[in-house]
């Protein structure tokens, strides 16, 4: 799967990225599916798996932030001091590259599946006008 390779490359240089399991990455990708190049939405017939790897990386950052980072260590004249990356800056960059994050907070059209059960009455409102351009569907 090319997407998991892209995600692995994206987080490879972050502290403790080696602790991210394949399952964690797959779960992150599952939550980052986007419409494919033909505009077909996830779970629709003909959908080609397409992922927002930056959004998937964002979902893994919390785990990485929770891991310890060596701040200072010394042994016989050799010392090491490592600081955590600028997580806020990193998140801002991931968000700026993520199609999903760019749409968060804005008006986004989404496909909402309406079940075909007996209590659902479908009403074609495309040509209905009653002065307010709507229909009171509570009075079925």
N, C-alpha and C. Protein backbone atom coordinates (compact mmCIF):
# COMPACT_ATOMS: atom_id res chain seq x y z
N UNK A 1 0.85 -1.18 0.00
CA UNK A 1 0.00 0.00 0.00
C UNK A 1 0.89 1.24 0.00
N UNK A 2 0.78 2.04 -1.02
CA UNK A 2 1.62 3.22 -1.17
C UNK A 2 1.32 4.26 -0.10
N UNK A 3 0.07 4.35 0.33
CA UNK A 3 -0.30 5.37 1.32
C UNK A 3 0.41 5.15 2.65
N UNK A 4 0.54 3.90 3.07
CA UNK A 4 1.23 3.65 4.34
C UNK A 4 2.71 3.99 4.21
N UNK A 5 3.30 3.79 3.04
CA UNK A 5 4.68 4.18 2.80
C UNK A 5 4.83 5.70 2.85
N UNK A 6 3.87 6.41 2.24
CA UNK A 6 3.89 7.88 2.27
C UNK A 6 3.76 8.39 3.70
N UNK A 7 2.87 7.78 4.48
CA UNK A 7 2.69 8.19 5.87
C UNK A 7 3.95 7.90 6.68
N UNK A 8 4.54 6.74 6.46
CA UNK A 8 5.77 6.38 7.18
C UNK A 8 6.88 7.38 6.87
N UNK A 9 7.01 7.77 5.61
CA UNK A 9 8.02 8.75 5.22
C UNK A 9 7.74 10.10 5.87
N UNK A 10 6.48 10.48 5.95
CA UNK A 10 6.09 11.77 6.51
C UNK A 10 6.45 11.89 7.99
N UNK A 11 6.34 10.82 8.74
CA UNK A 11 6.61 10.87 10.18
C UNK A 11 7.97 10.28 10.56
N UNK A 12 8.74 9.82 9.59
CA UNK A 12 9.98 9.08 9.86
C UNK A 12 10.98 9.83 10.73
N UNK A 13 11.10 11.12 10.58
CA UNK A 13 12.11 11.87 11.32
C UNK A 13 11.61 12.41 12.65
N UNK A 14 10.40 12.10 13.04
CA UNK A 14 9.88 12.57 14.32
C UNK A 14 10.37 11.68 15.45
N UNK A 15 10.57 12.25 16.63
CA UNK A 15 11.03 11.44 17.75
C UNK A 15 10.08 10.29 18.04
N UNK A 16 10.64 9.13 18.24
CA UNK A 16 9.89 7.91 18.60
C UNK A 16 8.94 7.42 17.51
N UNK A 17 9.14 7.84 16.27
CA UNK A 17 8.26 7.37 15.20
C UNK A 17 8.37 5.86 15.01
N UNK A 18 9.47 5.28 15.47
CA UNK A 18 9.63 3.83 15.37
C UNK A 18 8.63 3.09 16.27
N UNK A 19 7.99 3.79 17.21
CA UNK A 19 6.99 3.18 18.07
C UNK A 19 5.62 3.07 17.40
N UNK A 20 5.45 3.75 16.28
CA UNK A 20 4.18 3.67 15.55
C UNK A 20 4.08 2.32 14.86
N UNK A 21 3.04 1.57 15.17
CA UNK A 21 2.87 0.26 14.56
C UNK A 21 2.17 0.40 13.21
N UNK A 22 2.26 -0.64 12.42
CA UNK A 22 1.55 -0.65 11.13
C UNK A 22 0.05 -0.49 11.34
N UNK A 23 -0.48 -1.12 12.39
CA UNK A 23 -1.92 -1.02 12.66
C UNK A 23 -2.31 0.41 13.02
N UNK A 24 -1.47 1.10 13.78
CA UNK A 24 -1.75 2.50 14.12
C UNK A 24 -1.80 3.35 12.85
N UNK A 25 -0.89 3.09 11.94
CA UNK A 25 -0.85 3.84 10.69
C UNK A 25 -2.06 3.51 9.82
N UNK A 26 -2.44 2.24 9.77
CA UNK A 26 -3.62 1.85 8.99
C UNK A 26 -4.88 2.47 9.56
N UNK A 27 -4.99 2.51 10.89
CA UNK A 27 -6.15 3.14 11.53
C UNK A 27 -6.19 4.64 11.22
N UNK A 28 -5.03 5.28 11.24
CA UNK A 28 -4.96 6.71 10.92
C UNK A 28 -5.38 6.96 9.47
N UNK A 29 -4.94 6.09 8.57
CA UNK A 29 -5.32 6.24 7.16
C UNK A 29 -6.81 5.99 6.95
N UNK A 30 -7.37 5.04 7.69
CA UNK A 30 -8.80 4.76 7.56
C UNK A 30 -9.64 5.98 7.91
N UNK A 31 -9.16 6.78 8.84
CA UNK A 31 -9.87 8.01 9.22
C UNK A 31 -9.53 9.19 8.34
N UNK A 32 -8.72 8.98 7.33
CA UNK A 32 -8.28 10.08 6.48
C UNK A 32 -8.59 9.81 5.01
N UNK A 33 -9.66 9.06 4.75
CA UNK A 33 -10.04 8.82 3.36
C UNK A 33 -10.73 10.05 2.79
N UNK A 34 -10.45 10.33 1.56
CA UNK A 34 -11.03 11.48 0.87
C UNK A 34 -11.58 11.02 -0.47
N UNK A 35 -12.44 11.84 -1.12
CA UNK A 35 -12.93 11.46 -2.44
C UNK A 35 -11.77 11.22 -3.40
N UNK A 36 -11.95 10.24 -4.29
CA UNK A 36 -10.87 9.92 -5.23
C UNK A 36 -10.81 10.94 -6.36
N UNK A 37 -9.91 10.73 -7.30
CA UNK A 37 -9.69 11.70 -8.38
C UNK A 37 -10.89 11.86 -9.31
N UNK A 38 -11.84 10.92 -9.24
CA UNK A 38 -13.05 11.00 -10.05
C UNK A 38 -14.21 11.62 -9.26
N UNK A 39 -13.95 12.02 -8.01
CA UNK A 39 -15.00 12.61 -7.18
C UNK A 39 -15.88 11.59 -6.49
N UNK A 40 -15.49 10.33 -6.53
CA UNK A 40 -16.27 9.28 -5.88
C UNK A 40 -15.89 9.27 -4.39
N UNK A 41 -16.91 9.28 -3.53
CA UNK A 41 -16.69 9.33 -2.09
C UNK A 41 -16.42 7.95 -1.53
N UNK A 42 -15.71 7.89 -0.39
CA UNK A 42 -15.45 6.59 0.26
C UNK A 42 -16.75 5.82 0.48
N UNK A 43 -16.68 4.51 0.35
CA UNK A 43 -17.79 3.58 0.53
C UNK A 43 -18.83 3.64 -0.59
N UNK A 44 -18.58 4.41 -1.63
CA UNK A 44 -19.48 4.45 -2.77
C UNK A 44 -18.96 3.48 -3.84
N UNK A 45 -19.85 2.95 -4.68
CA UNK A 45 -19.39 2.03 -5.73
C UNK A 45 -18.33 2.67 -6.62
N UNK A 46 -17.29 1.93 -6.92
CA UNK A 46 -16.23 2.41 -7.80
C UNK A 46 -15.17 3.26 -7.12
N UNK A 47 -15.27 3.43 -5.80
CA UNK A 47 -14.30 4.26 -5.08
C UNK A 47 -12.90 3.65 -5.14
N UNK A 48 -11.92 4.48 -5.47
CA UNK A 48 -10.52 4.07 -5.44
C UNK A 48 -9.91 4.67 -4.18
N UNK A 49 -9.38 3.82 -3.32
CA UNK A 49 -8.84 4.28 -2.03
C UNK A 49 -7.88 5.45 -2.22
N UNK A 50 -8.21 6.57 -1.58
CA UNK A 50 -7.42 7.79 -1.66
C UNK A 50 -7.34 8.38 -0.26
N UNK A 51 -6.16 8.79 0.16
CA UNK A 51 -5.96 9.20 1.54
C UNK A 51 -5.31 10.57 1.63
N UNK A 52 -5.65 11.28 2.69
CA UNK A 52 -4.99 12.52 3.06
C UNK A 52 -3.93 12.14 4.10
N UNK A 53 -2.70 11.88 3.65
CA UNK A 53 -1.66 11.39 4.56
C UNK A 53 -1.28 12.44 5.61
N UNK A 54 -1.43 13.71 5.29
CA UNK A 54 -1.13 14.74 6.28
C UNK A 54 -2.13 14.69 7.43
N UNK A 55 -3.40 14.48 7.11
CA UNK A 55 -4.41 14.36 8.15
C UNK A 55 -4.16 13.11 8.99
N UNK A 56 -3.75 12.03 8.35
CA UNK A 56 -3.41 10.80 9.08
C UNK A 56 -2.24 11.06 10.02
N UNK A 57 -1.25 11.82 9.56
CA UNK A 57 -0.10 12.14 10.42
C UNK A 57 -0.53 12.97 11.63
N UNK A 58 -1.46 13.90 11.40
CA UNK A 58 -1.97 14.72 12.51
C UNK A 58 -2.56 13.82 13.60
N UNK A 59 -3.27 12.77 13.19
CA UNK A 59 -3.90 11.90 14.18
C UNK A 59 -2.88 11.07 14.97
N UNK A 60 -1.66 10.95 14.46
CA UNK A 60 -0.61 10.20 15.15
C UNK A 60 0.26 11.09 16.05
N UNK A 61 0.20 12.38 15.86
CA UNK A 61 1.06 13.31 16.60
C UNK A 61 0.82 13.22 18.11
N UNK A 62 -0.42 13.08 18.54
CA UNK A 62 -0.70 13.00 19.97
C UNK A 62 0.06 11.87 20.64
N UNK A 63 0.10 10.71 19.99
CA UNK A 63 0.84 9.58 20.54
C UNK A 63 2.33 9.90 20.63
N UNK A 64 2.87 10.51 19.59
CA UNK A 64 4.29 10.84 19.58
C UNK A 64 4.62 11.91 20.63
N UNK A 65 3.74 12.88 20.82
CA UNK A 65 3.97 13.91 21.82
C UNK A 65 4.00 13.33 23.23
N UNK A 66 3.27 12.26 23.45
CA UNK A 66 3.18 11.66 24.78
C UNK A 66 4.42 10.84 25.14
N UNK A 67 5.30 10.60 24.18
CA UNK A 67 6.49 9.79 24.44
C UNK A 67 7.60 10.65 25.03
N UNK A 68 8.42 10.07 25.90
CA UNK A 68 9.52 10.85 26.49
C UNK A 68 10.58 11.19 25.45
N UNK A 69 11.22 12.32 25.66
CA UNK A 69 12.31 12.77 24.80
C UNK A 69 13.50 13.07 25.69
N UNK A 70 14.67 12.58 25.33
CA UNK A 70 15.89 12.80 26.13
C UNK A 70 16.21 14.29 26.12
N UNK A 71 16.30 14.88 27.30
CA UNK A 71 16.66 16.30 27.40
C UNK A 71 18.14 16.46 27.67
N UNK A 72 18.69 15.61 28.52
CA UNK A 72 20.11 15.70 28.78
C UNK A 72 20.60 14.38 29.36
N UNK A 73 21.75 13.97 28.94
CA UNK A 73 22.35 12.75 29.44
C UNK A 73 23.86 12.93 29.38
N UNK A 74 24.58 12.33 30.32
CA UNK A 74 26.02 12.49 30.34
C UNK A 74 26.67 11.19 30.77
N UNK A 75 27.76 10.86 30.10
CA UNK A 75 28.50 9.66 30.46
C UNK A 75 29.97 9.87 30.12
N UNK A 76 30.80 9.97 31.11
CA UNK A 76 32.25 10.06 30.95
C UNK A 76 32.68 11.12 29.92
N UNK A 77 32.23 12.31 30.12
CA UNK A 77 32.66 13.41 29.26
C UNK A 77 31.83 13.60 28.00
N UNK A 78 30.93 12.68 27.73
CA UNK A 78 30.07 12.81 26.56
C UNK A 78 28.68 13.20 27.04
N UNK A 79 28.11 14.21 26.47
CA UNK A 79 26.76 14.60 26.89
C UNK A 79 25.85 14.74 25.68
N UNK A 80 24.61 14.50 25.95
CA UNK A 80 23.58 14.59 24.91
C UNK A 80 22.41 15.38 25.46
N UNK A 81 21.89 16.29 24.69
CA UNK A 81 20.68 17.03 25.06
C UNK A 81 19.80 17.08 23.81
N UNK A 82 18.62 16.56 23.92
CA UNK A 82 17.71 16.53 22.78
C UNK A 82 16.41 17.22 23.18
N UNK A 83 15.97 18.14 22.37
CA UNK A 83 14.69 18.81 22.63
C UNK A 83 13.65 18.27 21.66
N UNK A 84 12.43 18.26 22.13
CA UNK A 84 11.31 17.84 21.28
C UNK A 84 11.14 18.85 20.15
N UNK A 85 10.61 18.41 19.03
CA UNK A 85 10.38 19.35 17.94
C UNK A 85 9.32 20.38 18.31
N UNK A 86 9.20 21.38 17.50
CA UNK A 86 8.16 22.38 17.69
C UNK A 86 6.85 21.75 17.18
N UNK A 87 6.14 21.08 18.10
CA UNK A 87 4.94 20.34 17.71
C UNK A 87 3.89 21.26 17.11
N UNK A 88 3.72 22.44 17.68
CA UNK A 88 2.71 23.37 17.17
C UNK A 88 3.02 23.77 15.73
N UNK A 89 4.29 24.04 15.46
CA UNK A 89 4.69 24.40 14.10
C UNK A 89 4.50 23.24 13.14
N UNK A 90 4.85 22.05 13.60
CA UNK A 90 4.68 20.85 12.78
C UNK A 90 3.20 20.62 12.46
N UNK A 91 2.35 20.76 13.48
CA UNK A 91 0.90 20.58 13.27
C UNK A 91 0.37 21.63 12.29
N UNK A 92 0.83 22.86 12.43
CA UNK A 92 0.39 23.92 11.52
C UNK A 92 0.77 23.59 10.08
N UNK A 93 1.97 23.04 9.88
CA UNK A 93 2.38 22.68 8.52
C UNK A 93 1.55 21.53 7.99
N UNK A 94 1.35 20.47 8.82
CA UNK A 94 0.51 19.35 8.40
C UNK A 94 -0.89 19.84 8.03
N UNK A 95 -1.47 20.72 8.86
CA UNK A 95 -2.81 21.24 8.58
C UNK A 95 -2.83 22.01 7.25
N UNK A 96 -1.76 22.77 7.01
CA UNK A 96 -1.72 23.57 5.79
C UNK A 96 -1.64 22.70 4.54
N UNK A 97 -1.13 21.48 4.68
CA UNK A 97 -0.99 20.57 3.55
C UNK A 97 -2.17 19.60 3.43
N UNK A 98 -3.02 19.53 4.44
CA UNK A 98 -4.10 18.55 4.49
C UNK A 98 -5.39 19.08 3.87
N UNK A 99 -5.91 18.42 2.84
CA UNK A 99 -7.21 18.83 2.28
C UNK A 99 -8.33 18.75 3.31
N UNK A 100 -8.31 17.75 4.17
CA UNK A 100 -9.36 17.61 5.19
C UNK A 100 -9.28 18.76 6.19
N UNK A 101 -8.09 19.04 6.70
CA UNK A 101 -7.94 20.10 7.70
C UNK A 101 -8.29 21.46 7.12
N UNK A 102 -8.02 21.68 5.85
CA UNK A 102 -8.34 22.96 5.23
C UNK A 102 -9.85 23.18 5.15
N UNK A 103 -10.62 22.11 5.11
CA UNK A 103 -12.07 22.23 5.02
C UNK A 103 -12.75 22.27 6.38
N UNK A 104 -12.03 21.91 7.43
CA UNK A 104 -12.62 21.89 8.76
C UNK A 104 -13.02 23.30 9.16
N UNK A 105 -14.23 23.42 9.63
CA UNK A 105 -14.71 24.72 10.07
C UNK A 105 -15.40 25.50 8.98
N UNK A 106 -15.38 25.02 7.77
CA UNK A 106 -16.07 25.72 6.69
C UNK A 106 -17.32 24.92 6.32
N UNK A 107 -18.13 25.50 5.49
CA UNK A 107 -19.32 24.79 5.03
C UNK A 107 -18.89 23.75 4.01
N UNK A 108 -19.07 22.51 4.36
CA UNK A 108 -18.65 21.41 3.51
C UNK A 108 -19.87 20.58 3.15
N UNK A 109 -20.04 20.33 1.87
CA UNK A 109 -21.12 19.46 1.44
C UNK A 109 -20.70 18.02 1.67
N UNK A 110 -21.56 17.28 2.30
CA UNK A 110 -21.25 15.88 2.59
C UNK A 110 -22.42 15.02 2.15
N UNK A 111 -22.12 13.82 1.71
CA UNK A 111 -23.16 12.87 1.37
C UNK A 111 -23.66 12.26 2.66
N UNK A 112 -24.95 12.35 2.89
CA UNK A 112 -25.55 11.75 4.07
C UNK A 112 -26.47 10.64 3.59
N UNK A 113 -26.18 9.43 4.01
CA UNK A 113 -26.99 8.29 3.61
C UNK A 113 -28.29 8.29 4.41
N UNK A 114 -29.41 8.24 3.73
CA UNK A 114 -30.71 8.17 4.39
C UNK A 114 -31.24 6.76 4.16
N UNK A 115 -31.50 6.05 5.24
CA UNK A 115 -31.94 4.67 5.09
C UNK A 115 -33.31 4.58 4.43
N UNK A 116 -33.51 3.53 3.68
CA UNK A 116 -34.80 3.32 3.03
C UNK A 116 -35.72 2.48 3.90
N UNK A 117 -36.11 3.03 5.04
CA UNK A 117 -36.98 2.30 5.96
C UNK A 117 -38.39 2.88 5.91
N UNK A 118 -39.36 2.15 6.47
CA UNK A 118 -40.77 2.51 6.31
C UNK A 118 -41.13 3.88 6.87
N UNK A 119 -40.48 4.36 7.88
CA UNK A 119 -40.85 5.65 8.47
C UNK A 119 -40.20 6.85 7.77
N UNK A 120 -39.38 6.59 6.75
CA UNK A 120 -38.77 7.68 6.00
C UNK A 120 -39.60 7.93 4.75
N UNK A 121 -40.10 9.16 4.62
CA UNK A 121 -40.90 9.55 3.46
C UNK A 121 -40.08 10.52 2.62
N UNK A 122 -39.68 10.08 1.46
CA UNK A 122 -38.86 10.93 0.59
C UNK A 122 -39.75 11.95 -0.11
N UNK A 123 -39.27 13.18 -0.16
CA UNK A 123 -40.01 14.27 -0.78
C UNK A 123 -39.08 14.98 -1.74
N UNK A 124 -39.49 15.05 -3.02
CA UNK A 124 -38.71 15.78 -4.01
C UNK A 124 -39.05 17.25 -3.84
N UNK A 125 -38.12 18.03 -3.34
CA UNK A 125 -38.38 19.44 -3.07
C UNK A 125 -37.80 20.35 -4.14
N UNK A 126 -37.32 19.76 -5.23
CA UNK A 126 -36.65 20.56 -6.25
C UNK A 126 -37.60 21.54 -6.96
N UNK A 127 -38.90 21.22 -7.04
CA UNK A 127 -39.82 22.10 -7.75
C UNK A 127 -40.98 22.57 -6.87
N UNK A 128 -40.84 22.41 -5.57
CA UNK A 128 -41.92 22.79 -4.66
C UNK A 128 -41.71 24.22 -4.20
N UNK A 129 -42.75 25.03 -4.32
CA UNK A 129 -42.70 26.39 -3.78
C UNK A 129 -44.01 26.66 -3.06
N UNK A 130 -43.90 27.28 -1.91
CA UNK A 130 -45.11 27.66 -1.17
C UNK A 130 -44.90 29.03 -0.53
N UNK A 131 -44.12 29.86 -1.18
CA UNK A 131 -43.84 31.19 -0.65
C UNK A 131 -42.54 31.23 0.14
N UNK A 132 -42.21 30.15 0.80
CA UNK A 132 -40.97 30.11 1.57
C UNK A 132 -39.95 29.17 0.94
N UNK A 133 -40.29 28.61 -0.21
CA UNK A 133 -39.40 27.67 -0.90
C UNK A 133 -39.02 26.48 -0.05
N UNK A 134 -39.98 26.02 0.75
CA UNK A 134 -39.72 24.80 1.52
C UNK A 134 -41.02 24.06 1.76
N UNK A 135 -40.94 22.91 2.31
CA UNK A 135 -42.10 22.06 2.57
C UNK A 135 -42.07 21.65 4.04
N UNK A 136 -43.21 21.67 4.68
CA UNK A 136 -43.28 21.20 6.06
C UNK A 136 -43.41 19.69 5.99
N UNK A 137 -42.32 18.99 6.18
CA UNK A 137 -42.33 17.55 6.06
C UNK A 137 -42.78 16.85 7.33
N UNK A 138 -43.10 17.61 8.38
CA UNK A 138 -43.62 17.01 9.62
C UNK A 138 -45.06 16.55 9.44
N UNK A 139 -45.73 17.05 8.47
CA UNK A 139 -47.15 16.71 8.26
C UNK A 139 -47.28 15.71 7.13
N UNK A 140 -46.79 14.51 7.34
CA UNK A 140 -46.78 13.50 6.28
C UNK A 140 -48.15 12.92 6.05
